[in-house]
Amino acid sequence: MYRFIITLALMLIVTPVFAGDNDKAKSSQIIKEAKTTYKEVVKLNNAWRDTKKLIKKASEAHSKKNYEKSISLANQALNQSKMAIEQHNRQKDNYRFLGQ
């Protein structure tokens, strides 16, 4: 019985440590990918309004060790960047009245 309690206690103590390291690495990787994709969008001159703000907020949350929020915001920024690239590719042959 004592072995079970000790094992359970160790699992409860050790599991968050490993999860935190994994979340930190995932957060860092997604933020990096979002920044890279955003740079591509800026080169295409098709950046969306809030993408840069989301990346900044994700970086701030990462530095405050709030990895869940950081991952969420970075995923939103990455999604917006990918959608902006898709939008550009679909509309690049259409004439634009503004911005040319």
PDB file of N, CA and C in Angstrom:
ATOM      1  N   MET A   1       0.819  -1.193   0.000  1.00  0.00           N
ATOM      2  CA  MET A   1       0.000   0.000   0.000  1.00  0.00           C
ATOM      3  C   MET A   1       0.864   1.258   0.000  1.00  0.00           C
ATOM      4  N   TYR A   2       1.953   1.221   0.807  1.00  0.00           N
ATOM      5  CA  TYR A   2       2.824   2.398   0.870  1.00  0.00           C
ATOM      6  C   TYR A   2       3.511   2.650  -0.463  1.00  0.00           C
ATOM      7  N   ARG A   3       3.862   1.574  -1.146  1.00  0.00           N
ATOM      8  CA  ARG A   3       4.503   1.730  -2.458  1.00  0.00           C
ATOM      9  C   ARG A   3       3.573   2.440  -3.429  1.00  0.00           C
ATOM     10  N   PHE A   4       2.325   2.063  -3.375  1.00  0.00           N
ATOM     11  CA  PHE A   4       1.342   2.691  -4.253  1.00  0.00           C
ATOM     12  C   PHE A   4       1.228   4.186  -3.964  1.00  0.00           C
ATOM     13  N   ILE A   5       1.145   4.551  -2.712  1.00  0.00           N
ATOM     14  CA  ILE A   5       1.024   5.965  -2.322  1.00  0.00           C
ATOM     15  C   ILE A   5       2.282   6.742  -2.706  1.00  0.00           C
ATOM     16  N   ILE A   6       3.431   6.151  -2.482  1.00  0.00           N
ATOM     17  CA  ILE A   6       4.686   6.818  -2.836  1.00  0.00           C
ATOM     18  C   ILE A   6       4.789   6.977  -4.354  1.00  0.00           C
ATOM     19  N   THR A   7       4.427   5.943  -5.093  1.00  0.00           N
ATOM     20  CA  THR A   7       4.454   6.017  -6.554  1.00  0.00           C
ATOM     21  C   THR A   7       3.497   7.085  -7.063  1.00  0.00           C
ATOM     22  N   LEU A   8       2.322   7.121  -6.510  1.00  0.00           N
ATOM     23  CA  LEU A   8       1.334   8.122  -6.897  1.00  0.00           C
ATOM     24  C   LEU A   8       1.822   9.530  -6.586  1.00  0.00           C
ATOM     25  N   ALA A   9       2.414   9.714  -5.431  1.00  0.00           N
ATOM     26  CA  ALA A   9       2.938  11.023  -5.048  1.00  0.00           C
ATOM     27  C   ALA A   9       4.060  11.456  -5.985  1.00  0.00           C
ATOM     28  N   LEU A  10       4.941  10.547  -6.328  1.00  0.00           N
ATOM     29  CA  LEU A  10       6.024  10.871  -7.253  1.00  0.00           C
ATOM     30  C   LEU A  10       5.499  11.216  -8.641  1.00  0.00           C
ATOM     31  N   MET A  11       4.485  10.513  -9.070  1.00  0.00           N
ATOM     32  CA  MET A  11       3.897  10.813 -10.383  1.00  0.00           C
ATOM     33  C   MET A  11       3.292  12.207 -10.399  1.00  0.00           C
ATOM     34  N   LEU A  12       2.636  12.570  -9.322  1.00  0.00           N
ATOM     35  CA  LEU A  12       2.020  13.897  -9.252  1.00  0.00           C
ATOM     36  C   LEU A  12       3.065  15.013  -9.200  1.00  0.00           C
ATOM     37  N   ILE A  13       4.204  14.728  -8.634  1.00  0.00           N
ATOM     38  CA  ILE A  13       5.268  15.730  -8.531  1.00  0.00           C
ATOM     39  C   ILE A  13       6.055  15.827  -9.837  1.00  0.00           C
ATOM     40  N   VAL A  14       6.368  14.699 -10.446  1.00  0.00           N
ATOM     41  CA  VAL A  14       7.252  14.669 -11.609  1.00  0.00           C
ATOM     42  C   VAL A  14       6.515  15.014 -12.901  1.00  0.00           C
ATOM     43  N   THR A  15       5.287  14.626 -13.057  1.00  0.00           N
ATOM     44  CA  THR A  15       4.552  14.839 -14.299  1.00  0.00           C
ATOM     45  C   THR A  15       4.472  16.309 -14.709  1.00  0.00           C
ATOM     46  N   PRO A  16       4.138  17.251 -13.829  1.00  0.00           N
ATOM     47  CA  PRO A  16       4.103  18.652 -14.261  1.00  0.00           C
ATOM     48  C   PRO A  16       5.459  19.179 -14.711  1.00  0.00           C
ATOM     49  N   VAL A  17       6.528  18.669 -14.172  1.00  0.00           N
ATOM     50  CA  VAL A  17       7.860  19.114 -14.581  1.00  0.00           C
ATOM     51  C   VAL A  17       8.114  18.731 -16.027  1.00  0.00           C
ATOM     52  N   PHE A  18       7.816  17.488 -16.386  1.00  0.00           N
ATOM     53  CA  PHE A  18       8.009  17.046 -17.758  1.00  0.00           C
ATOM     54  C   PHE A  18       7.036  17.734 -18.697  1.00  0.00           C
ATOM     55  N   ALA A  19       5.815  17.929 -18.284  1.00  0.00           N
ATOM     56  CA  ALA A  19       4.832  18.614 -19.119  1.00  0.00           C
ATOM     57  C   ALA A  19       5.248  20.055 -19.355  1.00  0.00           C
ATOM     58  N   GLY A  20       5.796  20.714 -18.358  1.00  0.00           N
ATOM     59  CA  GLY A  20       6.236  22.100 -18.503  1.00  0.00           C
ATOM     60  C   GLY A  20       7.355  22.249 -19.510  1.00  0.00           C
ATOM     61  N   ASP A  21       8.310  21.326 -19.493  1.00  0.00           N
ATOM     62  CA  ASP A  21       9.407  21.365 -20.457  1.00  0.00           C
ATOM     63  C   ASP A  21       8.895  21.142 -21.873  1.00  0.00           C
ATOM     64  N   ASN A  22       7.963  20.219 -22.012  1.00  0.00           N
ATOM     65  CA  ASN A  22       7.408  19.927 -23.322  1.00  0.00           C
ATOM     66  C   ASN A  22       6.623  21.133 -23.850  1.00  0.00           C
ATOM     67  N   ASP A  23       5.815  21.761 -22.984  1.00  0.00           N
ATOM     68  CA  ASP A  23       5.046  22.933 -23.382  1.00  0.00           C
ATOM     69  C   ASP A  23       5.964  24.091 -23.742  1.00  0.00           C
ATOM     70  N   LYS A  24       7.048  24.245 -23.004  1.00  0.00           N
ATOM     71  CA  LYS A  24       7.991  25.326 -23.282  1.00  0.00           C
ATOM     72  C   LYS A  24       8.604  25.151 -24.666  1.00  0.00           C
ATOM     73  N   ALA A  25       9.019  23.946 -24.990  1.00  0.00           N
ATOM     74  CA  ALA A  25       9.615  23.680 -26.301  1.00  0.00           C
ATOM     75  C   ALA A  25       8.586  23.855 -27.413  1.00  0.00           C
ATOM     76  N   LYS A  26       7.379  23.373 -27.176  1.00  0.00           N
ATOM     77  CA  LYS A  26       6.321  23.502 -28.188  1.00  0.00           C
ATOM     78  C   LYS A  26       5.976  24.968 -28.412  1.00  0.00           C
ATOM     79  N   SER A  27       5.865  25.723 -27.334  1.00  0.00           N
ATOM     80  CA  SER A  27       5.571  27.149 -27.426  1.00  0.00           C
ATOM     81  C   SER A  27       6.652  27.878 -28.217  1.00  0.00           C
ATOM     82  N   SER A  28       7.887  27.601 -27.887  1.00  0.00           N
ATOM     83  CA  SER A  28       9.007  28.243 -28.567  1.00  0.00           C
ATOM     84  C   SER A  28       9.012  27.909 -30.054  1.00  0.00           C
ATOM     85  N   GLN A  29       8.742  26.662 -30.381  1.00  0.00           N
ATOM     86  CA  GLN A  29       8.754  26.231 -31.774  1.00  0.00           C
ATOM     87  C   GLN A  29       7.622  26.880 -32.569  1.00  0.00           C
ATOM     88  N   ILE A  30       6.431  26.953 -32.001  1.00  0.00           N
ATOM     89  CA  ILE A  30       5.297  27.532 -32.707  1.00  0.00           C
ATOM     90  C   ILE A  30       5.493  29.033 -32.896  1.00  0.00           C
ATOM     91  N   ILE A  31       6.033  29.712 -31.891  1.00  0.00           N
ATOM     92  CA  ILE A  31       6.300  31.145 -32.024  1.00  0.00           C
ATOM     93  C   ILE A  31       7.315  31.387 -33.141  1.00  0.00           C
ATOM     94  N   LYS A  32       8.336  30.576 -33.185  1.00  0.00           N
ATOM     95  CA  LYS A  32       9.359  30.710 -34.238  1.00  0.00           C
ATOM     96  C   LYS A  32       8.736  30.501 -35.620  1.00  0.00           C
ATOM     97  N   GLU A  33       7.899  29.485 -35.738  1.00  0.00           N
ATOM     98  CA  GLU A  33       7.240  29.202 -37.011  1.00  0.00           C
ATOM     99  C   GLU A  33       6.286  30.331 -37.407  1.00  0.00           C
ATOM    100  N   ALA A  34       5.573  30.891 -36.425  1.00  0.00           N
ATOM    101  CA  ALA A  34       4.661  32.001 -36.699  1.00  0.00           C
ATOM    102  C   ALA A  34       5.432  33.228 -37.177  1.00  0.00           C
ATOM    103  N   LYS A  35       6.575  33.507 -36.552  1.00  0.00           N
ATOM    104  CA  LYS A  35       7.394  34.656 -36.961  1.00  0.00           C
ATOM    105  C   LYS A  35       7.920  34.469 -38.381  1.00  0.00           C
ATOM    106  N   THR A  36       8.383  33.273 -38.700  1.00  0.00           N
ATOM    107  CA  THR A  36       8.912  32.996 -40.037  1.00  0.00           C
ATOM    108  C   THR A  36       7.825  33.143 -41.096  1.00  0.00           C
ATOM    109  N   THR A  37       6.664  32.592 -40.827  1.00  0.00           N
ATOM    110  CA  THR A  37       5.559  32.673 -41.776  1.00  0.00           C
ATOM    111  C   THR A  37       5.082  34.118 -41.922  1.00  0.00           C
ATOM    112  N   TYR A  38       5.082  34.863 -40.822  1.00  0.00           N
ATOM    113  CA  TYR A  38       4.677  36.261 -40.876  1.00  0.00           C
ATOM    114  C   TYR A  38       5.635  37.080 -41.734  1.00  0.00           C
ATOM    115  N   LYS A  39       6.925  36.783 -41.668  1.00  0.00           N
ATOM    116  CA  LYS A  39       7.901  37.490 -42.506  1.00  0.00           C
ATOM    117  C   LYS A  39       7.616  37.257 -43.990  1.00  0.00           C
ATOM    118  N   GLU A  40       7.196  36.039 -44.339  1.00  0.00           N
ATOM    119  CA  GLU A  40       6.826  35.747 -45.717  1.00  0.00           C
ATOM    120  C   GLU A  40       5.618  36.581 -46.141  1.00  0.00           C
ATOM    121  N   VAL A  41       4.650  36.715 -45.244  1.00  0.00           N
ATOM    122  CA  VAL A  41       3.445  37.485 -45.543  1.00  0.00           C
ATOM    123  C   VAL A  41       3.787  38.962 -45.733  1.00  0.00           C
ATOM    124  N   VAL A  42       4.689  39.482 -44.919  1.00  0.00           N
ATOM    125  CA  VAL A  42       5.095  40.883 -45.039  1.00  0.00           C
ATOM    126  C   VAL A  42       5.758  41.113 -46.399  1.00  0.00           C
ATOM    127  N   LYS A  43       6.572  40.155 -46.840  1.00  0.00           N
ATOM    128  CA  LYS A  43       7.201  40.272 -48.161  1.00  0.00           C
ATOM    129  C   LYS A  43       6.165  40.296 -49.279  1.00  0.00           C
ATOM    130  N   LEU A  44       5.058  39.600 -49.078  1.00  0.00           N
ATOM    131  CA  LEU A  44       3.982  39.584 -50.064  1.00  0.00           C
ATOM    132  C   LEU A  44       3.100  40.828 -49.977  1.00  0.00           C
ATOM    133  N   ASN A  45       3.345  41.663 -48.970  1.00  0.00           N
ATOM    134  CA  ASN A  45       2.562  42.880 -48.727  1.00  0.00           C
ATOM    135  C   ASN A  45       1.085  42.551 -48.493  1.00  0.00           C
ATOM    136  N   ASN A  46       0.853  41.510 -47.711  1.00  0.00           N
ATOM    137  CA  ASN A  46      -0.515  41.083 -47.443  1.00  0.00           C
ATOM    138  C   ASN A  46      -0.718  40.725 -45.972  1.00  0.00           C
ATOM    139  N   ALA A  47      -0.003  41.398 -45.083  1.00  0.00           N
ATOM    140  CA  ALA A  47      -0.107  41.094 -43.654  1.00  0.00           C
ATOM    141  C   ALA A  47      -1.460  41.525 -43.105  1.00  0.00           C
ATOM    142  N   TRP A  48      -1.996  40.702 -42.247  1.00  0.00           N
ATOM    143  CA  TRP A  48      -3.259  41.041 -41.604  1.00  0.00           C
ATOM    144  C   TRP A  48      -2.986  41.899 -40.375  1.00  0.00           C
ATOM    145  N   ARG A  49      -3.993  42.624 -39.966  1.00  0.00           N
ATOM    146  CA  ARG A  49      -3.866  43.645 -38.937  1.00  0.00           C
ATOM    147  C   ARG A  49      -3.378  43.108 -37.587  1.00  0.00           C
ATOM    148  N   ASP A  50      -3.921  42.031 -37.107  1.00  0.00           N
ATOM    149  CA  ASP A  50      -3.655  41.587 -35.735  1.00  0.00           C
ATOM    150  C   ASP A  50      -2.567  40.526 -35.598  1.00  0.00           C
ATOM    151  N   THR A  51      -2.025  40.054 -36.691  1.00  0.00           N
ATOM    152  CA  THR A  51      -1.069  38.943 -36.616  1.00  0.00           C
ATOM    153  C   THR A  51       0.174  39.315 -35.820  1.00  0.00           C
ATOM    154  N   LYS A  52       0.719  40.482 -36.082  1.00  0.00           N
ATOM    155  CA  LYS A  52       1.921  40.918 -35.369  1.00  0.00           C
ATOM    156  C   LYS A  52       1.635  41.073 -33.877  1.00  0.00           C
ATOM    157  N   LYS A  53       0.455  41.582 -33.539  1.00  0.00           N
ATOM    158  CA  LYS A  53       0.072  41.738 -32.134  1.00  0.00           C
ATOM    159  C   LYS A  53      -0.043  40.377 -31.442  1.00  0.00           C
ATOM    160  N   LEU A  54      -0.588  39.394 -32.148  1.00  0.00           N
ATOM    161  CA  LEU A  54      -0.712  38.050 -31.572  1.00  0.00           C
ATOM    162  C   LEU A  54       0.656  37.434 -31.309  1.00  0.00           C
ATOM    163  N   ILE A  55       1.594  37.638 -32.232  1.00  0.00           N
ATOM    164  CA  ILE A  55       2.943  37.106 -32.038  1.00  0.00           C
ATOM    165  C   ILE A  55       3.598  37.773 -30.831  1.00  0.00           C
ATOM    166  N   LYS A  56       3.408  39.070 -30.700  1.00  0.00           N
ATOM    167  CA  LYS A  56       3.985  39.795 -29.571  1.00  0.00           C
ATOM    168  C   LYS A  56       3.390  39.300 -28.247  1.00  0.00           C
ATOM    169  N   LYS A  57       2.070  39.121 -28.210  1.00  0.00           N
ATOM    170  CA  LYS A  57       1.424  38.626 -26.995  1.00  0.00           C
ATOM    171  C   LYS A  57       1.857  37.198 -26.675  1.00  0.00           C
ATOM    172  N   ALA A  58       2.045  36.380 -27.706  1.00  0.00           N
ATOM    173  CA  ALA A  58       2.499  35.010 -27.492  1.00  0.00           C
ATOM    174  C   ALA A  58       3.912  34.998 -26.912  1.00  0.00           C
ATOM    175  N   SER A  59       4.762  35.884 -27.406  1.00  0.00           N
ATOM    176  CA  SER A  59       6.134  35.971 -26.890  1.00  0.00           C
ATOM    177  C   SER A  59       6.141  36.433 -25.437  1.00  0.00           C
ATOM    178  N   GLU A  60       5.265  37.388 -25.119  1.00  0.00           N
ATOM    179  CA  GLU A  60       5.173  37.873 -23.736  1.00  0.00           C
ATOM    180  C   GLU A  60       4.675  36.768 -22.803  1.00  0.00           C
ATOM    181  N   ALA A  61       3.661  36.026 -23.252  1.00  0.00           N
ATOM    182  CA  ALA A  61       3.142  34.926 -22.433  1.00  0.00           C
ATOM    183  C   ALA A  61       4.210  33.851 -22.248  1.00  0.00           C
ATOM    184  N   HIS A  62       5.006  33.613 -23.276  1.00  0.00           N
ATOM    185  CA  HIS A  62       6.087  32.630 -23.176  1.00  0.00           C
ATOM    186  C   HIS A  62       7.128  33.080 -22.150  1.00  0.00           C
ATOM    187  N   SER A  63       7.464  34.358 -22.176  1.00  0.00           N
ATOM    188  CA  SER A  63       8.463  34.853 -21.223  1.00  0.00           C
ATOM    189  C   SER A  63       7.940  34.835 -19.787  1.00  0.00           C
ATOM    190  N   LYS A  64       6.617  34.900 -19.617  1.00  0.00           N
ATOM    191  CA  LYS A  64       6.014  34.822 -18.286  1.00  0.00           C
ATOM    192  C   LYS A  64       5.700  33.379 -17.883  1.00  0.00           C
ATOM    193  N   LYS A  65       6.133  32.436 -18.708  1.00  0.00           N
ATOM    194  CA  LYS A  65       5.957  30.998 -18.472  1.00  0.00           C
ATOM    195  C   LYS A  65       4.501  30.561 -18.468  1.00  0.00           C
ATOM    196  N   ASN A  66       3.675  31.299 -19.205  1.00  0.00           N
ATOM    197  CA  ASN A  66       2.283  30.912 -19.395  1.00  0.00           C
ATOM    198  C   ASN A  66       2.210  30.233 -20.769  1.00  0.00           C
ATOM    199  N   TYR A  67       2.637  28.970 -20.816  1.00  0.00           N
ATOM    200  CA  TYR A  67       2.851  28.286 -22.084  1.00  0.00           C
ATOM    201  C   TYR A  67       1.553  27.926 -22.800  1.00  0.00           C
ATOM    202  N   GLU A  68       0.500  27.631 -22.065  1.00  0.00           N
ATOM    203  CA  GLU A  68      -0.777  27.302 -22.705  1.00  0.00           C
ATOM    204  C   GLU A  68      -1.295  28.496 -23.493  1.00  0.00           C
ATOM    205  N   LYS A  69      -1.273  29.668 -22.877  1.00  0.00           N
ATOM    206  CA  LYS A  69      -1.723  30.884 -23.549  1.00  0.00           C
ATOM    207  C   LYS A  69      -0.805  31.210 -24.724  1.00  0.00           C
ATOM    208  N   SER A  70       0.483  31.029 -24.519  1.00  0.00           N
ATOM    209  CA  SER A  70       1.458  31.295 -25.567  1.00  0.00           C
ATOM    210  C   SER A  70       1.216  30.408 -26.782  1.00  0.00           C
ATOM    211  N   ILE A  71       0.977  29.143 -26.552  1.00  0.00           N
ATOM    212  CA  ILE A  71       0.721  28.204 -27.646  1.00  0.00           C
ATOM    213  C   ILE A  71      -0.550  28.584 -28.389  1.00  0.00           C
ATOM    214  N   SER A  72      -1.575  28.928 -27.650  1.00  0.00           N
ATOM    215  CA  SER A  72      -2.845  29.314 -28.259  1.00  0.00           C
ATOM    216  C   SER A  72      -2.687  30.551 -29.143  1.00  0.00           C
ATOM    217  N   LEU A  73      -2.037  31.578 -28.608  1.00  0.00           N
ATOM    218  CA  LEU A  73      -1.858  32.816 -29.378  1.00  0.00           C
ATOM    219  C   LEU A  73      -0.949  32.601 -30.588  1.00  0.00           C
ATOM    220  N   ALA A  74       0.100  31.821 -30.411  1.00  0.00           N
ATOM    221  CA  ALA A  74       1.017  31.559 -31.523  1.00  0.00           C
ATOM    222  C   ALA A  74       0.321  30.756 -32.621  1.00  0.00           C
ATOM    223  N   ASN A  75      -0.527  29.810 -32.234  1.00  0.00           N
ATOM    224  CA  ASN A  75      -1.289  29.056 -33.233  1.00  0.00           C
ATOM    225  C   ASN A  75      -2.238  29.960 -34.002  1.00  0.00           C
ATOM    226  N   GLN A  76      -2.869  30.916 -33.316  1.00  0.00           N
ATOM    227  CA  GLN A  76      -3.743  31.865 -33.991  1.00  0.00           C
ATOM    228  C   GLN A  76      -2.957  32.707 -34.993  1.00  0.00           C
ATOM    229  N   ALA A  77      -1.787  33.186 -34.575  1.00  0.00           N
ATOM    230  CA  ALA A  77      -0.948  34.000 -35.459  1.00  0.00           C
ATOM    231  C   ALA A  77      -0.476  33.185 -36.656  1.00  0.00           C
ATOM    232  N   LEU A  78      -0.077  31.955 -36.412  1.00  0.00           N
ATOM    233  CA  LEU A  78       0.375  31.085 -37.495  1.00  0.00           C
ATOM    234  C   LEU A  78      -0.759  30.818 -38.475  1.00  0.00           C
ATOM    235  N   ASN A  79      -1.940  30.566 -37.954  1.00  0.00           N
ATOM    236  CA  ASN A  79      -3.104  30.335 -38.810  1.00  0.00           C
ATOM    237  C   ASN A  79      -3.413  31.577 -39.651  1.00  0.00           C
ATOM    238  N   GLN A  80      -3.363  32.750 -39.040  1.00  0.00           N
ATOM    239  CA  GLN A  80      -3.632  33.979 -39.782  1.00  0.00           C
ATOM    240  C   GLN A  80      -2.597  34.196 -40.876  1.00  0.00           C
ATOM    241  N   SER A  81      -1.337  33.899 -40.589  1.00  0.00           N
ATOM    242  CA  SER A  81      -0.293  34.062 -41.597  1.00  0.00           C
ATOM    243  C   SER A  81      -0.502  33.105 -42.761  1.00  0.00           C
ATOM    244  N   LYS A  82      -0.834  31.873 -42.451  1.00  0.00           N
ATOM    245  CA  LYS A  82      -1.086  30.897 -43.521  1.00  0.00           C
ATOM    246  C   LYS A  82      -2.290  31.303 -44.361  1.00  0.00           C
ATOM    247  N   MET A  83      -3.322  31.812 -43.710  1.00  0.00           N
ATOM    248  CA  MET A  83      -4.517  32.256 -44.444  1.00  0.00           C
ATOM    249  C   MET A  83      -4.210  33.479 -45.305  1.00  0.00           C
ATOM    250  N   ALA A  84      -3.337  34.361 -44.815  1.00  0.00           N
ATOM    251  CA  ALA A  84      -2.955  35.539 -45.594  1.00  0.00           C
ATOM    252  C   ALA A  84      -2.171  35.135 -46.842  1.00  0.00           C
ATOM    253  N   ILE A  85      -1.315  34.116 -46.718  1.00  0.00           N
ATOM    254  CA  ILE A  85      -0.587  33.611 -47.887  1.00  0.00           C
ATOM    255  C   ILE A  85      -1.556  32.995 -48.885  1.00  0.00           C
ATOM    256  N   GLU A  86      -2.500  32.219 -48.377  1.00  0.00           N
ATOM    257  CA  GLU A  86      -3.508  31.616 -49.250  1.00  0.00           C
ATOM    258  C   GLU A  86      -4.342  32.697 -49.940  1.00  0.00           C
ATOM    259  N   GLN A  87      -4.711  33.723 -49.195  1.00  0.00           N
ATOM    260  CA  GLN A  87      -5.475  34.827 -49.765  1.00  0.00           C
ATOM    261  C   GLN A  87      -4.681  35.503 -50.881  1.00  0.00           C
ATOM    262  N   HIS A  88      -3.409  35.737 -50.634  1.00  0.00           N
ATOM    263  CA  HIS A  88      -2.564  36.366 -51.645  1.00  0.00           C
ATOM    264  C   HIS A  88      -2.482  35.503 -52.907  1.00  0.00           C
ATOM    265  N   ASN A  89      -2.279  34.203 -52.719  1.00  0.00           N
ATOM    266  CA  ASN A  89      -2.161  33.311 -53.873  1.00  0.00           C
ATOM    267  C   ASN A  89      -3.444  33.237 -54.691  1.00  0.00           C
ATOM    268  N   ARG A  90      -4.566  33.317 -54.039  1.00  0.00           N
ATOM    269  CA  ARG A  90      -5.842  33.268 -54.760  1.00  0.00           C
ATOM    270  C   ARG A  90      -6.164  34.585 -55.463  1.00  0.00           C
ATOM    271  N   GLN A  91      -5.674  35.686 -54.913  1.00  0.00           N
ATOM    272  CA  GLN A  91      -6.059  36.989 -55.453  1.00  0.00           C
ATOM    273  C   GLN A  91      -4.930  37.703 -56.182  1.00  0.00           C
ATOM    274  N   LYS A  92      -3.784  37.064 -56.378  1.00  0.00           N
ATOM    275  CA  LYS A  92      -2.650  37.768 -56.965  1.00  0.00           C
ATOM    276  C   LYS A  92      -2.867  38.130 -58.422  1.00  0.00           C
ATOM    277  N   ASP A  93      -3.722  37.435 -59.122  1.00  0.00           N
ATOM    278  CA  ASP A  93      -3.985  37.751 -60.528  1.00  0.00           C
ATOM    279  C   ASP A  93      -5.130  38.751 -60.709  1.00  0.00           C
ATOM    280  N   ASN A  94      -5.845  39.034 -59.632  1.00  0.00           N
ATOM    281  CA  ASN A  94      -6.936  40.008 -59.691  1.00  0.00           C
ATOM    282  C   ASN A  94      -6.396  41.413 -59.566  1.00  0.00           C
ATOM    283  N   TYR A  95      -7.017  42.345 -60.229  1.00  0.00           N
ATOM    284  CA  TYR A  95      -6.587  43.725 -60.169  1.00  0.00           C
ATOM    285  C   TYR A  95      -7.005  44.321 -58.840  1.00  0.00           C
ATOM    286  N   ARG A  96      -6.087  45.072 -58.221  1.00  0.00           N
ATOM    287  CA  ARG A  96      -6.390  45.757 -56.965  1.00  0.00           C
ATOM    288  C   ARG A  96      -6.499  47.248 -57.250  1.00  0.00           C
ATOM    289  N   PHE A  97      -7.551  47.840 -56.771  1.00  0.00           N
ATOM    290  CA  PHE A  97      -7.739  49.266 -56.981  1.00  0.00           C
ATOM    291  C   PHE A  97      -6.929  50.072 -55.994  1.00  0.00           C
ATOM    292  N   LEU A  98      -6.779  49.557 -54.791  1.00  0.00           N
ATOM    293  CA  LEU A  98      -6.050  50.267 -53.757  1.00  0.00           C
ATOM    294  C   LEU A  98      -4.748  49.531 -53.462  1.00  0.00           C
ATOM    295  N   GLY A  99      -3.715  50.264 -53.139  1.00  0.00           N
ATOM    296  CA  GLY A  99      -2.473  49.657 -52.706  1.00  0.00           C
ATOM    297  C   GLY A  99      -1.518  49.305 -53.822  1.00  0.00           C
ATOM    298  N   GLN A 100      -1.804  49.754 -55.044  1.00  0.00           N
ATOM    299  CA  GLN A 100      -0.866  49.477 -56.136  1.00  0.00           C
ATOM    300  C   GLN A 100      -0.255  50.743 -56.645  1.00  0.00           C
TER     301      GLN A 100
END
